[in-house]
N, C-alpha and C. Protein backbone atom coordinates (compact mmCIF):
# COMPACT_ATOMS: atom_id res chain seq x y z
N MET A 1 -12.64 4.98 -6.88
CA MET A 1 -11.18 4.67 -6.55
C MET A 1 -10.67 3.47 -7.16
N LEU A 2 -11.47 2.41 -7.22
CA LEU A 2 -11.03 1.18 -7.74
C LEU A 2 -11.43 0.89 -9.04
N ILE A 3 -12.11 1.68 -9.92
CA ILE A 3 -12.68 1.40 -11.19
C ILE A 3 -11.63 1.19 -12.13
N SER A 4 -10.41 1.76 -11.94
CA SER A 4 -9.27 1.48 -12.87
C SER A 4 -8.74 0.01 -12.95
N ASN A 5 -9.05 -0.70 -11.79
CA ASN A 5 -8.62 -2.04 -11.46
C ASN A 5 -9.35 -2.99 -12.10
N GLY A 6 -10.63 -2.63 -12.60
CA GLY A 6 -11.54 -3.57 -13.27
C GLY A 6 -12.33 -4.09 -12.28
N SER A 7 -13.55 -4.69 -12.74
CA SER A 7 -14.57 -5.29 -11.93
C SER A 7 -14.16 -6.40 -11.06
N ASN A 8 -13.34 -7.23 -11.64
CA ASN A 8 -12.93 -8.49 -10.89
C ASN A 8 -12.13 -7.89 -9.52
N SER A 9 -11.24 -6.76 -9.60
CA SER A 9 -10.69 -6.47 -8.35
C SER A 9 -11.71 -5.82 -7.36
N VAL A 10 -12.71 -5.03 -7.78
CA VAL A 10 -13.81 -4.61 -7.07
C VAL A 10 -14.31 -5.85 -6.24
N LYS A 11 -14.80 -7.03 -7.13
CA LYS A 11 -15.55 -8.03 -6.41
C LYS A 11 -14.73 -8.64 -5.46
N SER A 12 -13.52 -8.91 -5.61
CA SER A 12 -12.62 -9.36 -4.85
C SER A 12 -12.28 -8.67 -3.52
N ILE A 13 -12.29 -7.42 -3.45
CA ILE A 13 -12.25 -6.54 -2.37
C ILE A 13 -13.48 -6.59 -1.47
N LEU A 14 -14.60 -6.63 -2.25
CA LEU A 14 -15.89 -6.67 -1.62
C LEU A 14 -16.05 -7.99 -0.89
N LYS A 15 -15.67 -9.06 -1.48
CA LYS A 15 -15.66 -10.40 -0.83
C LYS A 15 -14.81 -10.37 0.40
N LEU A 16 -13.61 -9.85 0.40
CA LEU A 16 -12.93 -9.69 1.52
C LEU A 16 -13.44 -8.95 2.65
N PHE A 17 -14.10 -7.82 2.21
CA PHE A 17 -14.69 -7.16 3.35
C PHE A 17 -15.83 -7.95 3.85
N TRP A 18 -16.53 -8.57 3.02
CA TRP A 18 -17.52 -9.47 3.53
C TRP A 18 -17.32 -10.44 4.55
N VAL A 19 -16.09 -11.15 4.18
CA VAL A 19 -15.49 -12.19 5.23
C VAL A 19 -15.19 -11.43 6.38
N MET A 20 -14.54 -10.47 6.24
CA MET A 20 -14.03 -9.70 7.56
C MET A 20 -15.16 -9.39 8.47
N PHE A 21 -16.24 -8.90 7.85
CA PHE A 21 -17.44 -8.50 8.61
C PHE A 21 -18.18 -9.67 9.22
N LEU A 22 -18.21 -11.03 8.64
CA LEU A 22 -18.66 -12.05 9.12
C LEU A 22 -17.90 -12.47 10.28
N ILE A 23 -16.65 -12.52 10.13
CA ILE A 23 -15.70 -13.01 11.29
C ILE A 23 -15.99 -12.19 12.46
N VAL A 24 -16.14 -10.81 12.29
CA VAL A 24 -16.31 -10.01 13.58
C VAL A 24 -17.67 -10.13 14.23
N GLN A 25 -18.83 -10.04 13.18
CA GLN A 25 -20.14 -10.11 13.81
C GLN A 25 -20.34 -11.42 14.31
N MET A 26 -19.91 -12.45 13.92
CA MET A 26 -20.19 -14.01 14.40
C MET A 26 -19.46 -14.29 15.50
N LYS A 27 -18.33 -13.38 15.95
CA LYS A 27 -17.37 -13.47 16.92
C LYS A 27 -16.89 -15.01 17.01
N ILE A 28 -16.47 -15.40 15.83
CA ILE A 28 -15.79 -16.69 15.63
C ILE A 28 -14.53 -16.74 16.53
N SER A 29 -13.92 -15.58 16.49
CA SER A 29 -12.61 -15.39 17.42
C SER A 29 -12.64 -13.87 17.85
N HIS A 30 -12.86 -13.67 19.10
CA HIS A 30 -12.63 -12.03 19.39
C HIS A 30 -11.49 -11.95 20.45
N ALA A 31 -10.52 -12.41 20.22
CA ALA A 31 -9.47 -12.38 21.14
C ALA A 31 -8.59 -10.99 20.92
N GLU A 32 -8.99 -10.27 19.98
CA GLU A 32 -8.33 -8.95 19.61
C GLU A 32 -6.85 -9.18 19.54
N GLU A 33 -6.46 -10.06 18.88
CA GLU A 33 -4.95 -10.32 18.63
C GLU A 33 -4.55 -10.06 17.22
N TYR A 34 -5.49 -9.97 16.24
CA TYR A 34 -5.39 -9.72 14.99
C TYR A 34 -6.29 -8.64 14.26
N SER A 35 -5.67 -7.82 13.34
CA SER A 35 -6.50 -6.92 12.66
C SER A 35 -6.23 -7.01 11.02
N LEU A 36 -7.39 -7.47 10.34
CA LEU A 36 -7.26 -7.54 8.83
C LEU A 36 -7.21 -6.05 8.33
N ILE A 37 -6.41 -5.62 7.35
CA ILE A 37 -6.45 -4.34 7.09
C ILE A 37 -6.46 -4.16 5.57
N LEU A 38 -6.99 -3.05 5.17
CA LEU A 38 -6.94 -2.56 3.62
C LEU A 38 -6.24 -1.14 3.66
N LEU A 39 -5.42 -0.91 2.72
CA LEU A 39 -4.86 0.41 2.41
C LEU A 39 -5.57 0.78 0.96
N PRO A 40 -6.68 1.68 1.08
CA PRO A 40 -7.19 1.98 -0.35
C PRO A 40 -6.36 2.92 -0.88
N GLU A 41 -6.10 2.77 -2.20
CA GLU A 41 -5.35 3.80 -3.07
C GLU A 41 -6.21 3.97 -4.33
N PRO A 42 -5.95 5.09 -5.03
CA PRO A 42 -6.52 5.49 -6.06
C PRO A 42 -6.27 4.37 -7.23
N TYR A 43 -5.10 3.95 -7.15
CA TYR A 43 -4.47 2.89 -8.35
C TYR A 43 -4.65 1.52 -7.93
N CYS A 44 -4.14 1.09 -6.63
CA CYS A 44 -3.91 -0.39 -6.24
C CYS A 44 -4.30 -0.36 -4.90
N THR A 45 -5.35 -0.89 -4.48
CA THR A 45 -5.66 -1.06 -3.02
C THR A 45 -4.88 -2.23 -2.76
N GLN A 46 -4.51 -2.26 -1.35
CA GLN A 46 -3.52 -3.22 -0.68
C GLN A 46 -4.24 -3.94 0.55
N ALA A 47 -3.82 -5.10 0.49
CA ALA A 47 -4.45 -5.81 1.85
C ALA A 47 -3.45 -6.52 2.69
N GLY A 48 -3.72 -6.56 4.02
CA GLY A 48 -2.72 -7.38 4.86
C GLY A 48 -3.52 -7.76 6.23
N ILE A 49 -2.40 -8.07 7.13
CA ILE A 49 -2.76 -8.33 8.56
C ILE A 49 -1.98 -7.89 9.37
N GLU A 50 -2.43 -7.35 10.59
CA GLU A 50 -1.48 -7.32 11.77
C GLU A 50 -1.73 -7.90 12.96
N LYS A 51 -0.73 -8.38 13.79
CA LYS A 51 -0.71 -9.02 14.85
C LYS A 51 -0.28 -8.35 16.02
N LYS A 52 -0.86 -8.42 17.14
CA LYS A 52 -0.41 -7.88 18.33
C LYS A 52 0.74 -8.70 18.84
N VAL A 53 1.90 -8.05 19.21
CA VAL A 53 3.27 -8.75 19.62
C VAL A 53 3.49 -8.32 20.88
N SER A 54 2.92 -7.15 21.54
CA SER A 54 3.11 -6.91 22.80
C SER A 54 2.21 -5.77 23.23
N ASP A 55 1.98 -5.21 24.36
CA ASP A 55 1.08 -4.37 24.91
C ASP A 55 0.87 -3.26 23.93
N LYS A 56 2.18 -2.72 23.37
CA LYS A 56 2.02 -1.55 22.70
C LYS A 56 2.48 -1.68 21.14
N HIS A 57 2.64 -2.94 20.62
CA HIS A 57 3.27 -3.14 19.50
C HIS A 57 2.53 -4.12 18.56
N THR A 58 2.45 -3.87 17.37
CA THR A 58 1.84 -4.74 16.36
C THR A 58 2.83 -4.90 15.10
N LEU A 59 2.97 -6.22 14.46
CA LEU A 59 3.80 -6.37 13.41
C LEU A 59 2.81 -6.87 12.34
N GLY A 60 2.96 -6.58 11.14
CA GLY A 60 2.04 -6.91 10.18
C GLY A 60 2.72 -7.20 8.73
N VAL A 61 1.87 -7.33 7.83
CA VAL A 61 2.51 -7.58 6.50
C VAL A 61 1.22 -6.93 5.59
N ILE A 62 1.51 -6.32 4.62
CA ILE A 62 0.50 -5.60 3.69
C ILE A 62 1.18 -5.59 2.16
N GLY A 63 0.29 -5.95 1.19
CA GLY A 63 0.69 -5.78 -0.17
C GLY A 63 -0.22 -6.08 -1.18
N ARG A 64 0.32 -6.09 -2.47
CA ARG A 64 -0.59 -6.25 -3.75
C ARG A 64 0.49 -6.75 -4.71
N PHE A 65 0.03 -7.59 -5.45
CA PHE A 65 0.80 -8.25 -6.64
C PHE A 65 -0.02 -8.17 -7.97
N ASN A 66 0.92 -7.76 -8.98
CA ASN A 66 0.45 -7.47 -10.25
C ASN A 66 -0.73 -6.67 -10.46
N CYS A 67 -0.89 -5.54 -10.12
CA CYS A 67 -1.92 -4.61 -10.14
C CYS A 67 -1.70 -3.80 -11.43
N ASP A 68 -2.66 -4.09 -12.47
CA ASP A 68 -2.57 -3.24 -13.63
C ASP A 68 -3.09 -1.93 -13.49
N SER A 69 -2.44 -0.85 -13.46
CA SER A 69 -2.83 0.47 -13.33
C SER A 69 -2.06 1.61 -13.79
N LYS A 70 -2.27 2.81 -13.54
CA LYS A 70 -1.39 3.91 -14.01
C LYS A 70 -0.55 4.52 -12.83
N ARG A 71 -0.53 3.58 -11.91
CA ARG A 71 0.18 3.91 -10.52
C ARG A 71 1.84 4.44 -10.75
N PRO A 72 1.88 5.58 -10.50
CA PRO A 72 3.45 6.09 -10.39
C PRO A 72 4.07 5.64 -9.23
N THR A 73 5.43 5.67 -9.36
CA THR A 73 6.33 5.33 -8.07
C THR A 73 5.85 6.54 -6.97
N TYR A 74 5.90 7.79 -7.55
CA TYR A 74 5.37 8.65 -6.69
C TYR A 74 5.08 9.89 -7.44
N GLY A 75 4.39 10.94 -6.90
CA GLY A 75 3.98 11.92 -7.63
C GLY A 75 2.78 11.70 -8.56
N SER A 76 2.62 12.57 -9.81
CA SER A 76 1.63 12.46 -10.62
C SER A 76 1.65 11.25 -11.69
N LYS A 77 0.50 10.85 -12.17
CA LYS A 77 0.51 9.80 -13.18
C LYS A 77 0.84 10.47 -14.48
N ASN A 78 0.97 9.56 -15.43
CA ASN A 78 0.95 9.96 -16.95
C ASN A 78 0.07 8.97 -17.60
N ASP A 79 -0.92 9.65 -18.05
CA ASP A 79 -1.99 8.80 -18.84
C ASP A 79 -1.46 8.00 -19.93
N ASP A 80 -0.35 8.10 -20.41
CA ASP A 80 0.30 7.41 -21.57
C ASP A 80 1.00 6.26 -21.09
N VAL A 81 1.10 6.03 -19.70
CA VAL A 81 1.85 4.86 -19.14
C VAL A 81 1.14 4.07 -18.45
N GLU A 82 1.26 2.58 -18.57
CA GLU A 82 0.50 1.69 -17.69
C GLU A 82 1.61 1.19 -16.78
N ASN A 83 1.17 0.61 -15.69
CA ASN A 83 2.11 -0.15 -14.69
C ASN A 83 1.50 -1.21 -14.27
N LYS A 84 2.38 -2.27 -14.09
CA LYS A 84 2.11 -3.37 -13.35
C LYS A 84 2.82 -3.44 -12.11
N PHE A 85 2.10 -3.21 -11.11
CA PHE A 85 2.75 -2.97 -9.64
C PHE A 85 2.55 -3.89 -8.78
N SER A 86 3.85 -4.26 -7.99
CA SER A 86 3.53 -5.23 -6.92
C SER A 86 4.53 -4.55 -5.63
N ARG A 87 3.94 -4.93 -4.51
CA ARG A 87 4.69 -4.39 -3.20
C ARG A 87 4.33 -5.35 -2.17
N ILE A 88 5.24 -5.53 -1.28
CA ILE A 88 5.03 -6.28 0.02
C ILE A 88 5.77 -5.50 1.20
N LEU A 89 4.96 -5.02 2.32
CA LEU A 89 5.71 -4.25 3.17
C LEU A 89 5.34 -4.85 4.62
N VAL A 90 6.33 -4.75 5.43
CA VAL A 90 6.24 -5.18 6.90
C VAL A 90 6.18 -4.12 7.83
N PRO A 91 5.18 -3.71 8.31
CA PRO A 91 5.17 -2.63 9.32
C PRO A 91 5.13 -3.17 10.73
N LEU A 92 6.03 -2.27 11.58
CA LEU A 92 6.00 -2.43 12.84
C LEU A 92 5.51 -1.16 13.47
N LYS A 93 4.49 -1.33 14.36
CA LYS A 93 3.84 -0.12 14.96
C LYS A 93 3.99 -0.20 16.23
N HIS A 94 4.25 1.15 16.96
CA HIS A 94 4.36 1.45 18.36
C HIS A 94 3.13 2.38 18.73
N SER A 95 1.99 1.86 19.41
CA SER A 95 1.00 2.62 19.78
C SER A 95 1.05 2.92 21.14
N PHE A 96 0.89 4.51 21.51
CA PHE A 96 1.38 4.89 22.73
C PHE A 96 0.26 4.44 23.92
N ASN A 97 -0.83 4.19 23.39
CA ASN A 97 -1.91 3.89 24.36
C ASN A 97 -2.34 2.47 24.44
N GLY A 98 -1.68 1.58 23.62
CA GLY A 98 -2.03 0.31 23.60
C GLY A 98 -1.97 -0.24 22.05
N ALA A 99 -1.62 -1.41 21.75
CA ALA A 99 -1.63 -2.05 20.46
C ALA A 99 -2.76 -1.80 19.71
N PHE A 100 -3.82 -2.20 20.17
CA PHE A 100 -5.13 -1.93 19.49
C PHE A 100 -6.14 -1.01 20.26
N ASP A 101 -5.61 0.20 20.56
CA ASP A 101 -6.35 1.10 21.52
C ASP A 101 -6.29 2.41 20.75
N GLN A 102 -7.38 3.21 20.81
CA GLN A 102 -7.50 4.50 20.14
C GLN A 102 -6.18 5.30 20.67
N GLY A 103 -5.60 6.03 19.77
CA GLY A 103 -4.43 7.11 20.05
C GLY A 103 -3.46 7.28 19.05
N VAL A 104 -2.41 7.85 19.52
CA VAL A 104 -1.36 8.18 18.44
C VAL A 104 -0.39 6.94 18.48
N PHE A 105 0.07 6.75 17.14
CA PHE A 105 1.03 5.76 17.07
C PHE A 105 2.30 6.37 15.95
N ILE A 106 3.46 5.57 16.00
CA ILE A 106 4.43 5.78 15.01
C ILE A 106 4.71 4.26 14.45
N GLN A 107 5.15 4.50 13.35
CA GLN A 107 5.41 3.09 12.64
C GLN A 107 6.42 3.22 11.58
N GLY A 108 7.22 2.19 11.60
CA GLY A 108 8.33 1.94 10.55
C GLY A 108 7.91 0.76 9.68
N MET A 109 8.37 0.94 8.39
CA MET A 109 8.12 -0.11 7.46
C MET A 109 9.16 -0.59 6.52
N ILE A 110 9.36 -1.81 6.25
CA ILE A 110 10.41 -2.16 5.09
C ILE A 110 9.83 -3.18 4.47
N GLY A 111 10.21 -3.07 3.03
CA GLY A 111 9.74 -4.00 2.07
C GLY A 111 10.25 -3.77 0.65
N ILE A 112 9.59 -4.55 -0.34
CA ILE A 112 10.08 -4.43 -1.62
C ILE A 112 9.04 -4.08 -2.56
N GLU A 113 9.31 -3.20 -3.53
CA GLU A 113 8.31 -2.69 -4.44
C GLU A 113 8.85 -2.86 -5.84
N ASP A 114 7.99 -3.30 -6.80
CA ASP A 114 8.24 -3.44 -8.14
C ASP A 114 7.33 -2.85 -9.02
N SER A 115 7.79 -2.17 -10.09
CA SER A 115 7.08 -1.58 -11.19
C SER A 115 7.50 -1.96 -12.50
N GLU A 116 6.43 -2.29 -13.42
CA GLU A 116 6.86 -2.45 -14.82
C GLU A 116 6.08 -1.49 -15.58
N PHE A 117 6.64 -0.46 -16.20
CA PHE A 117 6.09 0.48 -17.02
C PHE A 117 6.13 0.30 -18.46
N LYS A 118 4.98 0.50 -19.10
CA LYS A 118 4.80 0.38 -20.57
C LYS A 118 4.01 1.52 -21.03
N SER A 119 4.73 2.30 -22.09
CA SER A 119 3.91 3.51 -22.77
C SER A 119 3.33 2.96 -23.88
N ASN A 120 2.26 3.97 -24.29
CA ASN A 120 1.55 3.68 -25.54
C ASN A 120 2.26 3.45 -26.79
N LEU A 121 3.33 4.09 -26.79
CA LEU A 121 4.43 4.12 -27.95
C LEU A 121 5.38 3.05 -27.97
N GLY A 122 5.38 2.28 -26.91
CA GLY A 122 6.20 1.13 -26.78
C GLY A 122 7.51 1.05 -25.94
N SER A 123 7.75 2.19 -25.13
CA SER A 123 8.64 2.37 -24.27
C SER A 123 8.41 1.53 -23.08
N ASN A 124 9.45 0.89 -22.38
CA ASN A 124 9.00 0.04 -21.19
C ASN A 124 10.29 0.26 -20.16
N ALA A 125 10.09 0.07 -18.98
CA ALA A 125 10.93 0.14 -17.95
C ALA A 125 10.54 -0.82 -16.75
N ASP A 126 11.57 -1.39 -16.06
CA ASP A 126 11.20 -2.12 -14.87
C ASP A 126 12.11 -1.77 -13.74
N VAL A 127 11.61 -1.53 -12.60
CA VAL A 127 12.39 -1.27 -11.48
C VAL A 127 11.86 -1.93 -10.14
N THR A 128 12.93 -2.24 -9.35
CA THR A 128 12.61 -2.82 -7.97
C THR A 128 13.34 -1.98 -7.02
N TYR A 129 12.70 -1.66 -6.05
CA TYR A 129 13.15 -0.80 -4.96
C TYR A 129 13.16 -1.55 -3.55
N LEU A 130 13.98 -1.26 -2.53
CA LEU A 130 13.80 -1.49 -1.22
C LEU A 130 13.06 -0.30 -0.67
N ASN A 131 12.07 -0.59 0.06
CA ASN A 131 11.25 0.53 0.50
C ASN A 131 11.38 0.52 2.10
N LEU A 132 11.87 1.74 2.43
CA LEU A 132 12.04 2.24 3.90
C LEU A 132 11.13 3.35 4.26
N SER A 133 10.32 3.26 5.24
CA SER A 133 9.47 4.55 5.52
C SER A 133 9.26 4.46 6.96
N VAL A 134 8.71 5.74 7.31
CA VAL A 134 8.42 6.05 8.80
C VAL A 134 7.22 6.84 8.57
N HIS A 135 6.14 6.60 9.55
CA HIS A 135 4.99 7.34 9.61
C HIS A 135 4.38 7.51 10.93
N GLY A 136 3.69 8.74 11.15
CA GLY A 136 2.84 8.92 12.45
C GLY A 136 1.60 9.08 12.29
N GLY A 137 0.68 8.90 13.09
CA GLY A 137 -0.84 8.96 12.87
C GLY A 137 -1.57 8.64 14.15
N TYR A 138 -2.88 8.54 13.75
CA TYR A 138 -3.94 8.17 14.76
C TYR A 138 -4.85 7.31 14.46
N GLN A 139 -5.08 6.43 15.44
CA GLN A 139 -6.04 5.13 15.19
C GLN A 139 -7.22 5.17 15.99
N TRP A 140 -8.33 4.83 15.43
CA TRP A 140 -9.56 4.61 16.15
C TRP A 140 -10.14 3.00 16.00
N TYR A 141 -10.56 2.55 17.32
CA TYR A 141 -11.04 1.17 17.39
C TYR A 141 -12.40 1.17 17.91
N PHE A 142 -13.34 0.56 17.24
CA PHE A 142 -14.83 0.40 17.64
C PHE A 142 -15.18 -0.83 18.23
N ARG A 143 -16.26 -0.94 18.95
CA ARG A 143 -16.62 -2.13 19.76
C ARG A 143 -16.89 -3.29 18.90
N ASN A 144 -17.27 -3.07 17.68
CA ASN A 144 -17.61 -4.22 16.65
C ASN A 144 -16.37 -4.73 15.94
N GLY A 145 -15.23 -4.07 16.13
CA GLY A 145 -13.99 -4.50 15.52
C GLY A 145 -13.47 -3.66 14.49
N PHE A 146 -14.31 -2.85 13.80
CA PHE A 146 -13.98 -2.04 12.90
C PHE A 146 -12.88 -0.81 13.48
N ASN A 147 -12.03 -0.61 12.50
CA ASN A 147 -10.97 0.21 12.82
C ASN A 147 -10.40 1.13 11.76
N ILE A 148 -9.83 2.33 11.97
CA ILE A 148 -9.50 3.26 10.96
C ILE A 148 -8.24 3.89 11.42
N SER A 149 -7.24 4.02 10.72
CA SER A 149 -6.05 4.74 10.96
C SER A 149 -5.67 5.74 9.94
N VAL A 150 -5.32 7.05 10.30
CA VAL A 150 -4.89 8.02 9.30
C VAL A 150 -3.26 8.18 9.58
N LEU A 151 -2.47 8.16 8.59
CA LEU A 151 -1.26 8.30 8.67
C LEU A 151 -0.46 9.19 7.71
N GLY A 152 0.67 9.62 8.10
CA GLY A 152 1.58 10.52 7.16
C GLY A 152 2.86 10.34 7.56
N GLY A 153 3.92 10.56 6.55
CA GLY A 153 5.29 10.24 6.80
C GLY A 153 6.09 10.42 5.62
N VAL A 154 7.36 9.84 5.76
CA VAL A 154 8.35 9.78 4.61
C VAL A 154 8.75 8.55 4.22
N ALA A 155 8.88 8.29 2.91
CA ALA A 155 9.32 6.91 2.23
C ALA A 155 10.53 7.18 1.59
N HIS A 156 11.58 6.41 1.68
CA HIS A 156 12.75 6.39 0.82
C HIS A 156 12.53 4.90 0.03
N LEU A 157 12.68 5.14 -1.25
CA LEU A 157 12.73 3.98 -2.27
C LEU A 157 14.28 3.91 -2.85
N GLN A 158 14.87 2.87 -2.35
CA GLN A 158 16.29 2.77 -2.69
C GLN A 158 16.30 1.78 -4.10
N GLU A 159 16.70 2.36 -5.15
CA GLU A 159 16.78 1.45 -6.32
C GLU A 159 17.72 0.26 -6.25
N ILE A 160 17.07 -1.02 -6.50
CA ILE A 160 17.82 -2.16 -6.21
C ILE A 160 18.13 -2.52 -7.85
N SER A 161 17.47 -2.53 -8.73
CA SER A 161 17.54 -2.79 -10.06
C SER A 161 16.71 -1.98 -10.94
N SER A 162 17.04 -1.63 -12.17
CA SER A 162 16.21 -1.12 -13.11
C SER A 162 16.74 -1.40 -14.53
N SER A 163 15.91 -1.20 -15.50
CA SER A 163 16.16 -1.16 -16.83
C SER A 163 15.17 -0.43 -17.67
N ARG A 164 15.43 0.27 -18.68
CA ARG A 164 14.66 1.18 -19.39
C ARG A 164 15.07 1.05 -20.94
N GLN A 165 13.92 1.06 -21.75
CA GLN A 165 13.98 1.10 -23.21
C GLN A 165 13.01 1.97 -23.62
N ILE A 166 13.62 3.18 -24.12
CA ILE A 166 12.82 4.31 -24.55
C ILE A 166 12.66 4.27 -26.10
N ALA A 167 11.61 4.30 -26.69
CA ALA A 167 11.21 4.19 -28.13
C ALA A 167 11.57 5.56 -28.72
N ASP A 168 12.16 5.33 -30.08
CA ASP A 168 12.75 6.66 -30.70
C ASP A 168 11.74 7.89 -30.87
N SER A 169 10.49 7.23 -30.90
CA SER A 169 9.30 8.21 -31.09
C SER A 169 8.65 8.74 -29.80
N GLU A 170 9.27 8.21 -28.69
CA GLU A 170 8.51 8.64 -27.44
C GLU A 170 8.58 10.11 -27.17
N THR A 171 7.33 10.54 -26.52
CA THR A 171 7.17 11.79 -26.13
C THR A 171 8.08 12.26 -25.02
N LEU A 172 8.52 13.71 -24.90
CA LEU A 172 9.18 14.02 -23.65
C LEU A 172 8.58 13.84 -22.35
N SER A 173 7.41 13.98 -22.30
CA SER A 173 6.80 13.87 -20.98
C SER A 173 6.77 12.49 -20.37
N VAL A 174 6.60 11.48 -21.40
CA VAL A 174 6.82 9.88 -20.95
C VAL A 174 8.29 9.67 -20.63
N THR A 175 9.24 10.22 -21.37
CA THR A 175 10.63 9.87 -21.26
C THR A 175 11.11 10.50 -19.64
N ASP A 176 10.42 11.63 -19.55
CA ASP A 176 10.86 12.24 -18.18
C ASP A 176 10.10 11.39 -17.03
N PHE A 177 8.74 10.95 -17.13
CA PHE A 177 8.08 10.37 -16.32
C PHE A 177 8.84 8.80 -15.93
N ILE A 178 9.29 8.11 -17.09
CA ILE A 178 10.04 6.90 -16.74
C ILE A 178 11.32 7.21 -16.20
N ASN A 179 11.98 8.25 -16.44
CA ASN A 179 13.29 8.45 -15.83
C ASN A 179 13.04 8.73 -14.25
N LYS A 180 12.19 9.57 -13.97
CA LYS A 180 11.75 10.00 -12.60
C LYS A 180 11.37 8.68 -11.80
N ASN A 181 10.49 8.02 -12.35
CA ASN A 181 10.03 6.79 -11.71
C ASN A 181 10.83 5.57 -11.54
N THR A 182 12.05 5.55 -11.99
CA THR A 182 12.94 4.50 -11.98
C THR A 182 14.23 4.74 -11.19
N GLU A 183 14.07 5.84 -10.54
CA GLU A 183 15.41 6.26 -9.75
C GLU A 183 15.24 6.40 -8.30
N THR A 184 16.19 6.16 -7.57
CA THR A 184 16.09 6.33 -6.04
C THR A 184 15.28 7.67 -5.62
N ASN A 185 14.53 7.70 -4.70
CA ASN A 185 13.96 8.99 -4.41
C ASN A 185 13.49 8.72 -3.08
N THR A 186 13.25 9.99 -2.40
CA THR A 186 12.52 10.06 -0.99
C THR A 186 11.50 11.06 -1.18
N HIS A 187 10.35 10.72 -0.59
CA HIS A 187 9.10 11.43 -0.73
C HIS A 187 8.11 11.30 0.41
N VAL A 188 7.15 12.25 0.55
CA VAL A 188 6.22 12.23 1.73
C VAL A 188 4.92 11.56 1.04
N GLY A 189 4.28 11.14 2.02
CA GLY A 189 3.09 10.50 1.52
C GLY A 189 2.04 10.47 2.65
N ALA A 190 0.74 10.33 2.57
CA ALA A 190 -0.35 10.05 3.62
C ALA A 190 -1.42 9.11 3.16
N GLY A 191 -2.18 8.57 4.07
CA GLY A 191 -2.99 7.52 3.65
C GLY A 191 -3.93 7.23 4.92
N VAL A 192 -4.99 6.41 4.53
CA VAL A 192 -5.99 5.95 5.48
C VAL A 192 -5.96 4.36 5.44
N ILE A 193 -5.90 3.85 6.45
CA ILE A 193 -5.90 2.21 6.57
C ILE A 193 -7.23 1.88 7.32
N VAL A 194 -8.11 0.88 6.84
CA VAL A 194 -9.19 0.48 7.43
C VAL A 194 -9.09 -1.06 7.66
N GLY A 195 -9.74 -1.44 8.79
CA GLY A 195 -9.70 -2.81 9.21
C GLY A 195 -10.71 -3.49 10.16
N TRP A 196 -10.68 -4.75 10.29
CA TRP A 196 -11.47 -5.30 11.38
C TRP A 196 -10.65 -6.01 12.31
N LEU A 197 -10.84 -5.75 13.63
CA LEU A 197 -10.08 -6.44 14.66
C LEU A 197 -10.92 -7.73 15.11
N PHE A 198 -10.11 -8.82 15.30
CA PHE A 198 -10.66 -10.03 15.71
C PHE A 198 -9.73 -10.76 16.62
């Protein structure tokens, strides 16, 4: 899943997992007020943290900066287009059984997303979105602090700014891909979040 990001990204993510594991196992802090989280994606894995802000609510931040990949804004990738992707999201989660307890949750997120597309034939496009999304899901918490959540929902990407330069020799599939991936859109999505509670 992470091979396209290069060995440096894999090493960085493995180091982050190792640090999180040590924090939990050594019980440096086990107040169960925070959870370090990862959102694994086929193109750009994202990392962040959640904080318990009430008995049933957590507030967090999750993101990734300058990930070189073939990540589309949504839908399918185009093998002839690379993307330098950045995103930062702020999730507010309501968990019906308790902030860091097993059970059903709903979550709203707001943030900024940016993509810089470049094709093999020299076309390029830059787009910045306001990201608004709502998800529902189920979360599991284990005694050692490991946790996993599955979620699905709807995201609305509102275009804030964009620019496109299409090369004269560009293929129709790339032109369509760039046009689709630089416009306001609403789409469904699903994912898995893993983390360590401490």
